N, C-alpha and C. Protein backbone atom coordinates (compact mmCIF):
# COMPACT_ATOMS: atom_id res chain seq x y z
N UNK A 1 89.19 97.68 119.48
CA UNK A 1 89.42 98.66 118.40
C UNK A 1 89.33 97.87 116.96
N UNK A 2 88.81 98.31 115.77
CA UNK A 2 88.55 97.64 114.75
C UNK A 2 89.75 97.22 114.18
N UNK A 3 89.87 96.00 113.38
CA UNK A 3 91.13 95.44 112.90
C UNK A 3 91.51 96.53 111.93
N UNK A 4 90.88 97.17 111.16
CA UNK A 4 91.23 98.03 110.10
C UNK A 4 92.04 99.27 110.63
N UNK A 5 91.34 99.71 111.71
CA UNK A 5 91.75 101.02 112.40
C UNK A 5 93.36 100.55 112.98
N UNK A 6 93.41 99.29 113.64
CA UNK A 6 94.79 98.99 113.88
C UNK A 6 95.82 98.85 112.66
N UNK A 7 95.42 98.32 111.72
CA UNK A 7 96.35 98.25 110.49
C UNK A 7 96.61 99.75 110.24
N UNK A 8 95.74 100.63 110.11
CA UNK A 8 96.10 101.94 109.68
C UNK A 8 97.10 102.72 110.72
N UNK A 9 96.83 102.55 112.01
CA UNK A 9 97.63 103.16 113.02
C UNK A 9 99.04 102.39 113.09
N UNK A 10 99.03 101.24 112.88
CA UNK A 10 100.19 100.44 112.69
C UNK A 10 101.04 101.00 111.61
N UNK A 11 100.34 101.34 110.41
CA UNK A 11 101.18 101.69 109.39
C UNK A 11 101.78 103.09 109.68
N UNK A 12 101.10 104.05 110.30
CA UNK A 12 101.61 105.23 110.59
C UNK A 12 102.79 105.25 111.45
N UNK A 13 102.76 104.02 112.37
CA UNK A 13 103.87 103.96 113.26
C UNK A 13 105.26 103.53 112.48
N UNK A 14 104.86 102.70 111.31
CA UNK A 14 106.11 102.20 110.61
C UNK A 14 106.69 103.32 109.74
N UNK A 15 105.70 104.22 109.36
CA UNK A 15 106.16 105.36 108.46
C UNK A 15 106.96 106.23 109.31
N UNK A 16 106.48 106.40 110.65
CA UNK A 16 107.18 107.43 111.47
C UNK A 16 108.59 107.24 111.70
N UNK A 17 108.91 105.67 111.91
CA UNK A 17 110.35 105.07 111.91
C UNK A 17 111.20 105.21 110.82
N UNK A 18 110.59 105.38 109.68
CA UNK A 18 111.50 105.63 108.38
C UNK A 18 110.97 106.99 107.87
N UNK A 19 110.79 108.01 108.57
CA UNK A 19 110.10 109.18 108.12
C UNK A 19 111.09 109.92 107.01
N UNK A 20 112.39 110.12 107.22
CA UNK A 20 113.08 110.96 106.41
C UNK A 20 113.60 110.25 105.01
N UNK A 21 113.70 108.81 104.99
CA UNK A 21 113.89 108.12 103.81
C UNK A 21 112.67 108.01 103.01
N UNK A 22 111.39 107.93 103.78
CA UNK A 22 110.11 107.98 102.98
C UNK A 22 109.73 109.00 102.39
N UNK A 23 110.21 110.33 102.98
CA UNK A 23 109.65 111.52 102.46
C UNK A 23 110.51 111.68 101.13
N UNK A 24 111.90 111.26 101.10
CA UNK A 24 112.65 111.17 99.72
C UNK A 24 112.12 110.26 98.65
N UNK A 25 111.63 109.05 99.21
CA UNK A 25 110.90 108.05 98.41
C UNK A 25 109.67 108.58 97.66
N UNK A 26 109.04 109.53 98.51
CA UNK A 26 107.72 109.89 97.93
C UNK A 26 107.85 111.26 97.09
N UNK A 27 109.06 111.79 97.40
CA UNK A 27 109.26 112.87 96.27
C UNK A 27 109.79 112.23 94.83
N UNK A 28 110.56 111.04 94.96
CA UNK A 28 111.04 110.27 93.60
C UNK A 28 109.65 109.83 93.11
N UNK A 29 108.66 109.33 93.95
CA UNK A 29 107.43 109.05 93.26
C UNK A 29 106.52 110.08 92.59
N UNK A 30 106.79 111.31 93.26
CA UNK A 30 106.11 112.45 92.69
C UNK A 30 106.77 113.02 91.17
N UNK A 31 108.17 112.76 91.18
CA UNK A 31 108.84 112.91 90.01
C UNK A 31 108.33 111.85 88.82
N UNK A 32 108.18 110.64 89.26
CA UNK A 32 107.67 109.70 88.25
C UNK A 32 106.19 109.92 87.89
N UNK A 33 105.43 110.56 88.72
CA UNK A 33 104.16 110.90 88.35
C UNK A 33 103.94 111.96 87.43
N UNK A 34 104.99 112.98 87.34
CA UNK A 34 104.94 114.05 86.69
C UNK A 34 105.61 113.78 85.05
N UNK A 35 106.27 112.84 85.18
CA UNK A 35 106.95 112.57 83.78
C UNK A 35 106.10 111.27 83.18
N UNK A 36 105.01 110.72 83.88
CA UNK A 36 104.02 109.97 83.31
C UNK A 36 104.58 108.51 82.97
N UNK A 37 105.50 108.29 82.07
CA UNK A 37 105.94 106.91 81.78
C UNK A 37 106.51 106.21 83.01
N UNK A 38 107.24 106.74 83.79
CA UNK A 38 107.64 105.95 84.84
C UNK A 38 106.80 105.98 86.11
N UNK A 39 105.43 106.62 85.95
CA UNK A 39 104.54 106.68 87.06
C UNK A 39 104.05 105.42 87.73
N UNK A 40 103.69 104.48 86.72
CA UNK A 40 103.17 103.24 87.16
C UNK A 40 104.31 102.36 88.05
N UNK A 41 105.57 102.18 87.34
CA UNK A 41 106.51 101.62 87.97
C UNK A 41 107.21 102.23 89.24
N UNK A 42 107.06 103.51 89.21
CA UNK A 42 107.37 104.31 90.58
C UNK A 42 106.50 103.75 91.63
N UNK A 43 105.19 103.62 91.29
CA UNK A 43 104.16 103.25 92.34
C UNK A 43 104.34 101.93 92.65
N UNK A 44 104.80 100.95 91.80
CA UNK A 44 105.22 99.72 92.30
C UNK A 44 106.43 99.67 93.06
N UNK A 45 107.21 100.61 92.82
CA UNK A 45 108.48 100.72 93.51
C UNK A 45 108.26 101.07 94.98
N UNK A 46 107.28 101.97 95.15
CA UNK A 46 106.81 102.39 96.58
C UNK A 46 106.32 101.20 97.24
N UNK A 47 105.49 100.39 96.57
CA UNK A 47 105.02 99.42 97.23
C UNK A 47 105.95 98.24 97.57
N UNK A 48 106.99 97.98 96.79
CA UNK A 48 107.95 97.11 97.07
C UNK A 48 108.77 97.54 98.35
N UNK A 49 108.87 98.85 98.25
CA UNK A 49 109.84 99.13 99.48
C UNK A 49 109.18 99.23 100.80
N UNK A 50 107.85 99.60 100.69
CA UNK A 50 107.16 99.45 101.98
C UNK A 50 106.85 98.23 102.44
N UNK A 51 106.70 97.36 101.53
CA UNK A 51 106.60 95.93 101.81
C UNK A 51 107.56 95.40 102.51
N UNK A 52 108.76 95.48 102.13
CA UNK A 52 110.02 95.29 102.74
C UNK A 52 110.12 95.74 104.17
N UNK A 53 109.60 97.08 104.23
CA UNK A 53 109.76 97.81 105.54
C UNK A 53 108.74 97.12 106.57
N UNK A 54 107.44 96.85 105.93
CA UNK A 54 106.61 96.20 106.81
C UNK A 54 106.96 94.90 107.42
N UNK A 55 107.85 94.26 106.60
CA UNK A 55 108.38 92.76 106.83
C UNK A 55 109.68 93.00 107.90
N UNK A 56 109.92 94.22 108.02
CA UNK A 56 110.99 94.34 109.08
C UNK A 56 112.37 94.45 108.42
N UNK A 57 112.53 94.34 107.13
CA UNK A 57 113.86 94.33 106.16
C UNK A 57 114.46 95.65 106.18
N UNK A 58 115.76 95.74 106.01
CA UNK A 58 116.38 97.00 105.82
C UNK A 58 116.05 97.65 104.63
N UNK A 59 115.82 98.93 104.42
CA UNK A 59 115.38 99.49 103.35
C UNK A 59 116.29 100.74 102.95
N UNK A 60 116.32 101.20 101.61
CA UNK A 60 117.24 102.37 101.44
C UNK A 60 116.89 103.00 100.01
N UNK A 61 117.45 103.77 99.46
CA UNK A 61 117.05 104.26 98.06
C UNK A 61 117.07 103.27 96.99
N UNK A 62 118.22 102.27 97.38
CA UNK A 62 118.45 101.19 96.24
C UNK A 62 117.24 100.34 96.37
N UNK A 63 116.51 99.97 97.44
CA UNK A 63 115.28 99.37 97.59
C UNK A 63 114.33 99.95 96.41
N UNK A 64 114.01 101.34 96.60
CA UNK A 64 113.09 101.80 95.64
C UNK A 64 113.47 101.57 94.11
N UNK A 65 114.81 101.76 93.83
CA UNK A 65 115.19 101.71 92.34
C UNK A 65 115.17 100.21 91.97
N UNK A 66 115.47 99.16 93.11
CA UNK A 66 115.39 97.73 92.57
C UNK A 66 113.85 97.15 92.29
N UNK A 67 112.97 97.93 93.00
CA UNK A 67 111.52 97.56 92.70
C UNK A 67 111.11 98.30 91.67
N UNK A 68 111.56 99.49 91.32
CA UNK A 68 111.19 100.07 90.03
C UNK A 68 111.72 99.22 88.72
N UNK A 69 112.82 98.81 88.89
CA UNK A 69 113.67 97.77 87.76
C UNK A 69 112.73 96.56 87.63
N UNK A 70 112.45 95.74 88.83
CA UNK A 70 111.88 94.57 88.72
C UNK A 70 110.36 94.56 88.49
N UNK A 71 109.79 95.59 88.59
CA UNK A 71 108.40 95.43 88.41
C UNK A 71 107.86 96.49 87.28
N UNK A 72 108.89 96.92 86.36
CA UNK A 72 108.43 97.72 85.55
C UNK A 72 107.30 97.30 84.71
N UNK A 73 107.63 96.33 83.88
CA UNK A 73 106.45 95.70 82.77
C UNK A 73 105.33 95.22 83.57
N UNK A 74 105.63 94.44 84.61
CA UNK A 74 104.51 93.65 85.18
C UNK A 74 103.50 94.90 85.64
N UNK A 75 104.12 95.99 86.48
CA UNK A 75 103.21 97.02 86.99
C UNK A 75 102.32 97.68 85.86
N UNK A 76 103.07 97.96 84.56
CA UNK A 76 102.04 98.31 83.65
C UNK A 76 101.03 97.71 83.14
N UNK A 77 101.44 96.32 83.01
CA UNK A 77 100.43 95.39 82.47
C UNK A 77 99.29 95.08 83.56
N UNK A 78 99.70 95.02 84.83
CA UNK A 78 98.62 95.23 85.94
C UNK A 78 97.68 96.46 85.78
N UNK A 79 98.26 97.62 85.72
CA UNK A 79 97.71 98.84 85.72
C UNK A 79 96.67 98.94 84.33
N UNK A 80 97.22 98.36 83.18
CA UNK A 80 96.27 98.59 82.06
C UNK A 80 95.07 97.63 82.24
N UNK A 81 95.42 96.21 82.70
CA UNK A 81 94.16 95.47 82.91
C UNK A 81 93.20 95.93 83.77
N UNK A 82 93.63 96.39 84.95
CA UNK A 82 92.70 97.14 85.90
C UNK A 82 92.17 98.27 85.54
N UNK A 83 92.57 99.14 84.88
CA UNK A 83 92.09 100.36 84.22
C UNK A 83 91.07 99.93 83.18
N UNK A 84 91.15 99.09 82.42
CA UNK A 84 90.25 98.54 81.39
C UNK A 84 88.87 98.02 82.06
N UNK A 85 89.36 96.89 83.15
CA UNK A 85 88.04 96.59 83.88
C UNK A 85 87.28 97.86 84.43
N UNK A 86 88.04 98.76 85.04
CA UNK A 86 87.30 99.90 85.71
C UNK A 86 86.41 100.63 84.69
N UNK A 87 87.05 100.82 83.37
CA UNK A 87 86.24 101.57 82.40
C UNK A 87 84.85 100.80 82.01
N UNK A 88 84.99 99.62 81.79
CA UNK A 88 84.06 98.62 81.51
C UNK A 88 82.77 98.85 82.58
N UNK A 89 83.18 98.78 83.81
CA UNK A 89 82.26 98.85 85.01
C UNK A 89 81.60 100.36 84.88
N UNK A 90 82.59 101.34 84.85
CA UNK A 90 82.02 102.62 84.78
C UNK A 90 81.06 103.00 83.57
N UNK A 91 81.41 102.38 82.44
CA UNK A 91 80.53 102.48 81.24
C UNK A 91 79.24 101.87 81.52
N UNK A 92 79.04 100.97 82.02
CA UNK A 92 77.95 100.23 82.59
C UNK A 92 77.15 101.04 83.44
N UNK A 93 77.63 101.58 84.45
CA UNK A 93 77.17 102.52 85.34
C UNK A 93 76.39 103.61 84.72
N UNK A 94 77.18 104.29 83.82
CA UNK A 94 76.78 105.42 83.30
C UNK A 94 75.63 105.07 82.31
N UNK A 95 75.68 103.86 81.47
CA UNK A 95 74.70 103.52 80.54
C UNK A 95 73.41 103.27 81.18
N UNK A 96 73.46 102.47 82.26
CA UNK A 96 71.99 102.03 82.77
C UNK A 96 71.50 103.11 83.78
N UNK A 97 72.14 103.82 84.45
CA UNK A 97 71.87 104.74 85.23
C UNK A 97 70.86 105.70 84.53
N UNK A 98 71.31 106.02 83.12
CA UNK A 98 70.61 106.95 82.44
C UNK A 98 69.54 106.48 81.60
N UNK A 99 69.05 105.11 81.59
CA UNK A 99 67.95 104.61 81.19
C UNK A 99 66.75 104.94 81.82
N UNK A 100 65.55 105.16 80.96
CA UNK A 100 64.28 105.50 81.52
C UNK A 100 63.54 104.42 82.46
N UNK A 101 63.91 103.22 82.06
CA UNK A 101 63.33 101.99 82.84
C UNK A 101 63.85 101.96 84.28
N UNK A 102 62.95 101.87 85.24
CA UNK A 102 63.26 101.59 86.59
C UNK A 102 64.20 100.36 86.82
N UNK A 103 63.82 99.32 86.09
CA UNK A 103 64.61 98.08 86.04
C UNK A 103 66.08 98.00 85.55
N UNK A 104 66.08 99.10 84.54
CA UNK A 104 67.40 99.10 83.92
C UNK A 104 68.43 100.05 84.76
N UNK A 105 67.70 101.11 85.59
CA UNK A 105 68.34 101.88 86.59
C UNK A 105 68.93 101.10 87.69
N UNK A 106 68.01 100.09 88.01
CA UNK A 106 68.37 99.23 89.22
C UNK A 106 69.69 98.39 88.56
N UNK A 107 69.64 98.02 87.57
CA UNK A 107 70.93 97.37 86.96
C UNK A 107 72.07 98.26 87.10
N UNK A 108 71.70 99.63 86.87
CA UNK A 108 72.93 100.60 86.84
C UNK A 108 73.38 100.57 88.35
N UNK A 109 72.64 100.76 89.34
CA UNK A 109 72.87 100.77 90.75
C UNK A 109 74.00 99.45 91.26
N UNK A 110 73.35 98.31 90.48
CA UNK A 110 74.26 97.27 90.96
C UNK A 110 75.58 97.27 90.26
N UNK A 111 75.86 97.78 89.20
CA UNK A 111 77.12 98.03 88.56
C UNK A 111 77.84 99.01 89.50
N UNK A 112 77.07 100.02 90.08
CA UNK A 112 77.73 100.98 90.96
C UNK A 112 78.34 100.25 92.20
N UNK A 113 77.56 99.22 92.68
CA UNK A 113 78.09 98.42 93.84
C UNK A 113 79.20 97.66 93.41
N UNK A 114 79.40 97.21 92.02
CA UNK A 114 80.37 96.60 91.50
C UNK A 114 81.56 97.47 91.58
N UNK A 115 81.39 98.75 91.14
CA UNK A 115 82.59 99.50 91.01
C UNK A 115 83.14 99.83 92.39
N UNK A 116 82.38 99.79 93.59
CA UNK A 116 82.84 100.05 95.05
C UNK A 116 83.76 98.68 95.24
N UNK A 117 82.98 97.58 94.77
CA UNK A 117 83.89 96.23 95.11
C UNK A 117 85.16 96.43 94.49
N UNK A 118 85.20 96.72 93.07
CA UNK A 118 86.19 96.81 92.29
C UNK A 118 87.49 97.60 92.99
N UNK A 119 87.03 98.83 93.53
CA UNK A 119 87.97 99.67 94.21
C UNK A 119 88.45 99.13 95.39
N UNK A 120 87.78 98.11 96.11
CA UNK A 120 88.12 97.41 97.32
C UNK A 120 89.42 96.41 96.80
N UNK A 121 89.18 95.92 95.67
CA UNK A 121 89.94 94.87 95.19
C UNK A 121 91.35 95.58 94.80
N UNK A 122 91.20 96.77 94.46
CA UNK A 122 92.48 97.39 93.92
C UNK A 122 93.39 97.63 95.20
N UNK A 123 92.88 97.67 96.38
CA UNK A 123 93.74 97.74 97.46
C UNK A 123 94.68 96.76 97.59
N UNK A 124 94.40 95.47 97.01
CA UNK A 124 95.39 94.48 97.33
C UNK A 124 96.19 94.06 96.12
N UNK A 125 95.91 94.79 94.91
CA UNK A 125 96.58 94.49 93.64
C UNK A 125 98.05 94.64 93.70
N UNK A 126 98.53 95.71 93.98
CA UNK A 126 100.01 96.06 94.06
C UNK A 126 100.71 95.03 95.32
N UNK A 127 100.08 95.13 96.39
CA UNK A 127 100.68 94.36 97.34
C UNK A 127 100.82 92.83 96.86
N UNK A 128 99.68 92.33 96.33
CA UNK A 128 100.01 90.84 95.87
C UNK A 128 100.99 90.90 94.50
N UNK A 129 101.08 91.82 93.84
CA UNK A 129 101.94 91.79 92.86
C UNK A 129 103.29 91.75 93.37
N UNK A 130 103.49 92.36 94.38
CA UNK A 130 104.95 92.25 95.16
C UNK A 130 104.95 90.91 95.70
N UNK A 131 104.04 90.24 96.18
CA UNK A 131 104.02 88.86 96.92
C UNK A 131 104.09 87.76 95.96
N UNK A 132 103.30 87.98 94.98
CA UNK A 132 102.89 86.87 93.92
C UNK A 132 103.15 87.17 92.45
N UNK A 133 103.74 88.09 92.23
CA UNK A 133 103.78 88.59 90.72
C UNK A 133 104.68 87.58 89.84
N UNK A 134 105.11 86.57 90.19
CA UNK A 134 105.92 85.64 89.37
C UNK A 134 104.81 84.74 88.83
N UNK A 135 103.59 84.69 89.38
CA UNK A 135 102.60 83.75 89.27
C UNK A 135 101.92 84.27 88.04
N UNK A 136 101.85 85.66 87.58
CA UNK A 136 101.37 86.13 86.52
C UNK A 136 100.13 87.14 87.00
N UNK A 137 99.89 88.18 86.03
CA UNK A 137 99.08 89.20 86.40
C UNK A 137 97.65 88.81 86.81
N UNK A 138 97.00 87.97 85.94
CA UNK A 138 95.72 87.56 86.15
C UNK A 138 95.46 86.70 87.62
N UNK A 139 96.40 85.90 87.91
CA UNK A 139 96.59 85.35 89.30
C UNK A 139 96.39 86.28 90.12
N UNK A 140 97.21 87.45 90.01
CA UNK A 140 97.19 88.32 91.08
C UNK A 140 96.04 88.79 91.18
N UNK A 141 94.97 89.45 90.00
CA UNK A 141 94.01 89.98 90.22
C UNK A 141 92.87 89.07 90.80
N UNK A 142 92.99 87.72 90.24
CA UNK A 142 92.16 86.53 90.97
C UNK A 142 92.19 86.52 92.34
N UNK A 143 93.56 86.62 92.87
CA UNK A 143 93.66 86.38 94.41
C UNK A 143 93.12 87.76 95.05
N UNK A 144 93.33 88.82 94.32
CA UNK A 144 93.03 90.08 95.14
C UNK A 144 91.28 90.06 95.04
N UNK A 145 90.62 89.70 94.34
CA UNK A 145 89.26 89.44 94.31
C UNK A 145 88.82 88.45 95.54
N UNK A 146 89.44 87.37 95.62
CA UNK A 146 89.10 86.44 96.66
C UNK A 146 89.44 86.79 97.83
N UNK A 147 90.58 87.65 98.03
CA UNK A 147 90.86 88.27 99.50
C UNK A 147 89.85 89.24 99.68
N UNK A 148 89.35 89.97 98.78
CA UNK A 148 88.40 90.91 99.13
C UNK A 148 87.04 90.40 99.72
N UNK A 149 86.62 89.37 98.60
CA UNK A 149 85.47 88.59 98.94
C UNK A 149 85.44 88.04 100.37
N UNK A 150 86.52 87.56 100.81
CA UNK A 150 86.71 86.69 102.08
C UNK A 150 86.85 87.67 103.12
N UNK A 151 87.16 88.79 102.97
CA UNK A 151 87.48 89.97 104.12
C UNK A 151 86.77 91.22 103.70
N UNK A 152 85.54 91.22 103.26
CA UNK A 152 84.83 92.38 102.74
C UNK A 152 84.44 93.46 103.72
N UNK A 153 84.11 93.01 104.84
CA UNK A 153 83.86 94.21 106.06
C UNK A 153 85.18 94.81 106.44
N UNK A 154 86.33 94.15 106.49
CA UNK A 154 87.68 94.56 106.88
C UNK A 154 87.93 95.58 105.76
N UNK A 155 87.76 94.97 104.42
CA UNK A 155 88.56 95.86 103.38
C UNK A 155 87.56 97.13 103.20
N UNK A 156 86.17 96.91 103.33
CA UNK A 156 85.50 98.26 103.07
C UNK A 156 85.81 99.25 104.23
N UNK A 157 85.98 98.67 105.49
CA UNK A 157 86.43 99.64 106.47
C UNK A 157 87.64 100.38 106.21
N UNK A 158 88.57 99.63 105.81
CA UNK A 158 89.76 100.21 105.34
C UNK A 158 89.82 101.16 104.26
N UNK A 159 89.02 100.91 103.23
CA UNK A 159 88.95 101.94 102.17
C UNK A 159 88.22 102.99 102.75
N UNK A 160 87.24 103.09 103.52
CA UNK A 160 86.77 104.40 104.21
C UNK A 160 87.73 105.12 104.76
N UNK A 161 88.55 104.55 105.69
CA UNK A 161 89.68 105.14 106.32
C UNK A 161 90.53 105.76 105.52
N UNK A 162 91.00 105.16 104.39
CA UNK A 162 92.07 105.60 103.42
C UNK A 162 91.29 106.97 102.56
N UNK A 163 90.03 106.62 102.21
CA UNK A 163 89.56 107.81 101.44
C UNK A 163 89.23 108.99 102.43
N UNK A 164 88.89 108.87 103.60
CA UNK A 164 89.04 110.09 104.69
C UNK A 164 90.36 110.48 104.89
N UNK A 165 91.39 109.68 105.05
CA UNK A 165 92.79 110.10 105.27
C UNK A 165 93.28 111.11 103.94
N UNK A 166 92.88 110.50 102.72
CA UNK A 166 93.31 111.15 101.40
C UNK A 166 92.73 112.57 101.41
N UNK A 167 91.34 112.64 101.81
CA UNK A 167 90.63 113.68 101.71
C UNK A 167 91.09 114.78 102.79
N UNK A 168 91.34 114.35 104.02
CA UNK A 168 91.97 115.31 104.88
C UNK A 168 93.39 115.81 104.42
N UNK A 169 94.07 114.83 103.93
CA UNK A 169 95.53 115.36 103.40
C UNK A 169 95.41 116.39 102.09
N UNK A 170 94.29 116.30 101.36
CA UNK A 170 94.13 117.36 100.32
C UNK A 170 93.86 118.81 101.10
N UNK A 171 93.35 118.75 102.26
CA UNK A 171 93.26 120.03 102.93
C UNK A 171 94.66 120.47 103.70
N UNK A 172 95.38 119.54 104.24
CA UNK A 172 96.63 119.71 104.77
C UNK A 172 97.61 119.52 103.66
N UNK A 173 97.87 120.30 102.73
CA UNK A 173 98.51 120.21 101.47
C UNK A 173 99.97 119.80 101.72
N UNK A 174 100.54 120.07 102.71
CA UNK A 174 102.06 119.60 102.94
C UNK A 174 102.06 118.15 102.87
N UNK A 175 100.97 117.41 103.40
CA UNK A 175 101.24 115.81 103.41
C UNK A 175 101.15 115.13 102.08
N UNK A 176 100.50 115.73 101.03
CA UNK A 176 100.36 115.10 99.74
C UNK A 176 101.75 115.05 99.21
N UNK A 177 102.68 115.82 99.13
CA UNK A 177 104.01 115.76 98.29
C UNK A 177 104.77 115.15 99.35
N UNK A 178 104.89 115.07 100.62
CA UNK A 178 105.86 114.60 101.47
C UNK A 178 105.71 112.93 101.85
N UNK A 179 104.45 112.69 102.00
CA UNK A 179 104.27 111.32 102.46
C UNK A 179 103.18 110.44 101.95
N UNK A 180 102.13 110.87 101.44
CA UNK A 180 101.04 110.28 100.96
C UNK A 180 101.00 109.11 100.47
N UNK A 181 101.80 108.94 99.49
CA UNK A 181 101.79 107.72 98.65
C UNK A 181 102.36 106.58 99.52
N UNK A 182 103.46 106.80 100.32
CA UNK A 182 104.15 105.89 101.12
C UNK A 182 103.23 105.28 102.35
N UNK A 183 102.29 106.39 102.75
CA UNK A 183 101.46 106.11 103.72
C UNK A 183 100.30 105.11 103.20
N UNK A 184 99.78 105.38 102.17
CA UNK A 184 98.70 104.69 101.54
C UNK A 184 99.33 103.14 101.20
N UNK A 185 100.60 103.04 100.59
CA UNK A 185 101.21 101.70 100.06
C UNK A 185 101.41 101.11 101.49
N UNK A 186 102.02 101.74 102.65
CA UNK A 186 102.19 100.89 103.72
C UNK A 186 100.93 100.37 104.37
N UNK A 187 99.79 101.01 104.43
CA UNK A 187 98.70 100.53 104.68
C UNK A 187 98.11 99.49 104.06
N UNK A 188 98.20 99.69 102.75
CA UNK A 188 97.62 98.33 101.88
C UNK A 188 98.58 97.37 102.03
N UNK A 189 99.91 97.41 102.02
CA UNK A 189 100.80 96.22 102.31
C UNK A 189 100.57 95.50 103.55
N UNK A 190 100.44 96.34 104.63
CA UNK A 190 100.27 95.87 105.96
C UNK A 190 98.89 94.86 106.09
N UNK A 191 97.82 95.51 105.30
CA UNK A 191 96.68 94.89 105.32
C UNK A 191 96.74 93.48 104.73
N UNK A 192 97.32 93.50 103.50
CA UNK A 192 97.50 92.37 102.48
C UNK A 192 98.32 91.26 103.29
N UNK A 193 99.37 91.51 103.93
CA UNK A 193 100.26 90.73 104.52
C UNK A 193 99.60 90.10 105.74
N UNK A 194 98.79 90.84 106.57
CA UNK A 194 98.08 90.45 107.64
C UNK A 194 97.05 89.29 107.11
N UNK A 195 96.20 89.68 105.99
CA UNK A 195 95.24 88.71 105.65
C UNK A 195 95.89 87.41 105.01
N UNK A 196 96.98 87.56 104.31
CA UNK A 196 97.59 86.47 103.80
C UNK A 196 98.02 85.56 104.66
N UNK A 197 98.44 85.94 106.00
CA UNK A 197 98.99 85.01 107.08
C UNK A 197 97.71 83.95 107.43
N UNK A 198 96.63 84.37 107.27
CA UNK A 198 95.42 83.41 107.69
C UNK A 198 95.45 82.31 106.66
N UNK A 199 95.87 82.40 105.30
CA UNK A 199 95.82 81.21 104.45
C UNK A 199 97.27 80.59 104.32
N UNK A 200 98.12 80.87 105.09
CA UNK A 200 99.48 80.47 105.10
C UNK A 200 99.47 79.31 106.24
């Protein structure tokens, strides 16, 4: 079985054992998303809680609120920098793809590949924020890039699995409000912690 598939299935098992708590946490995350300003810290709180769960630590709603408080500012800074880089890459894709020159369109395709790579990097940013946030946002981003480069096939496979899962969840509407954020965060935390073990 592919390592990425094992990580995904293992994450589903972790979520199952904390099912009722995670449904409540996911609903808190949805409230944060609706009210906008707490949206990013609520996402960081979900990652913090699921990171503790993956490590075998005891979790409760207090874990969520502790993560929300501890990562409020850092999560917004990480989100802002990540979004700025995403916009720069997307602008280059749009600009070069619409050029008349074949060479310039080729550059646009290369920028599109860069966007896919950047999406892969995003899978590790919040897990690394939880693990290494005290070292600064730019170090978190640098380490996420290096982790992706060194584990590109694994990361691409996991990204495809998550995209397929989220797409399926959009059809099975009940999954989205109840568990989706916690499942995605658990998968990404589990993957990041697994890869980090190689370098420890």
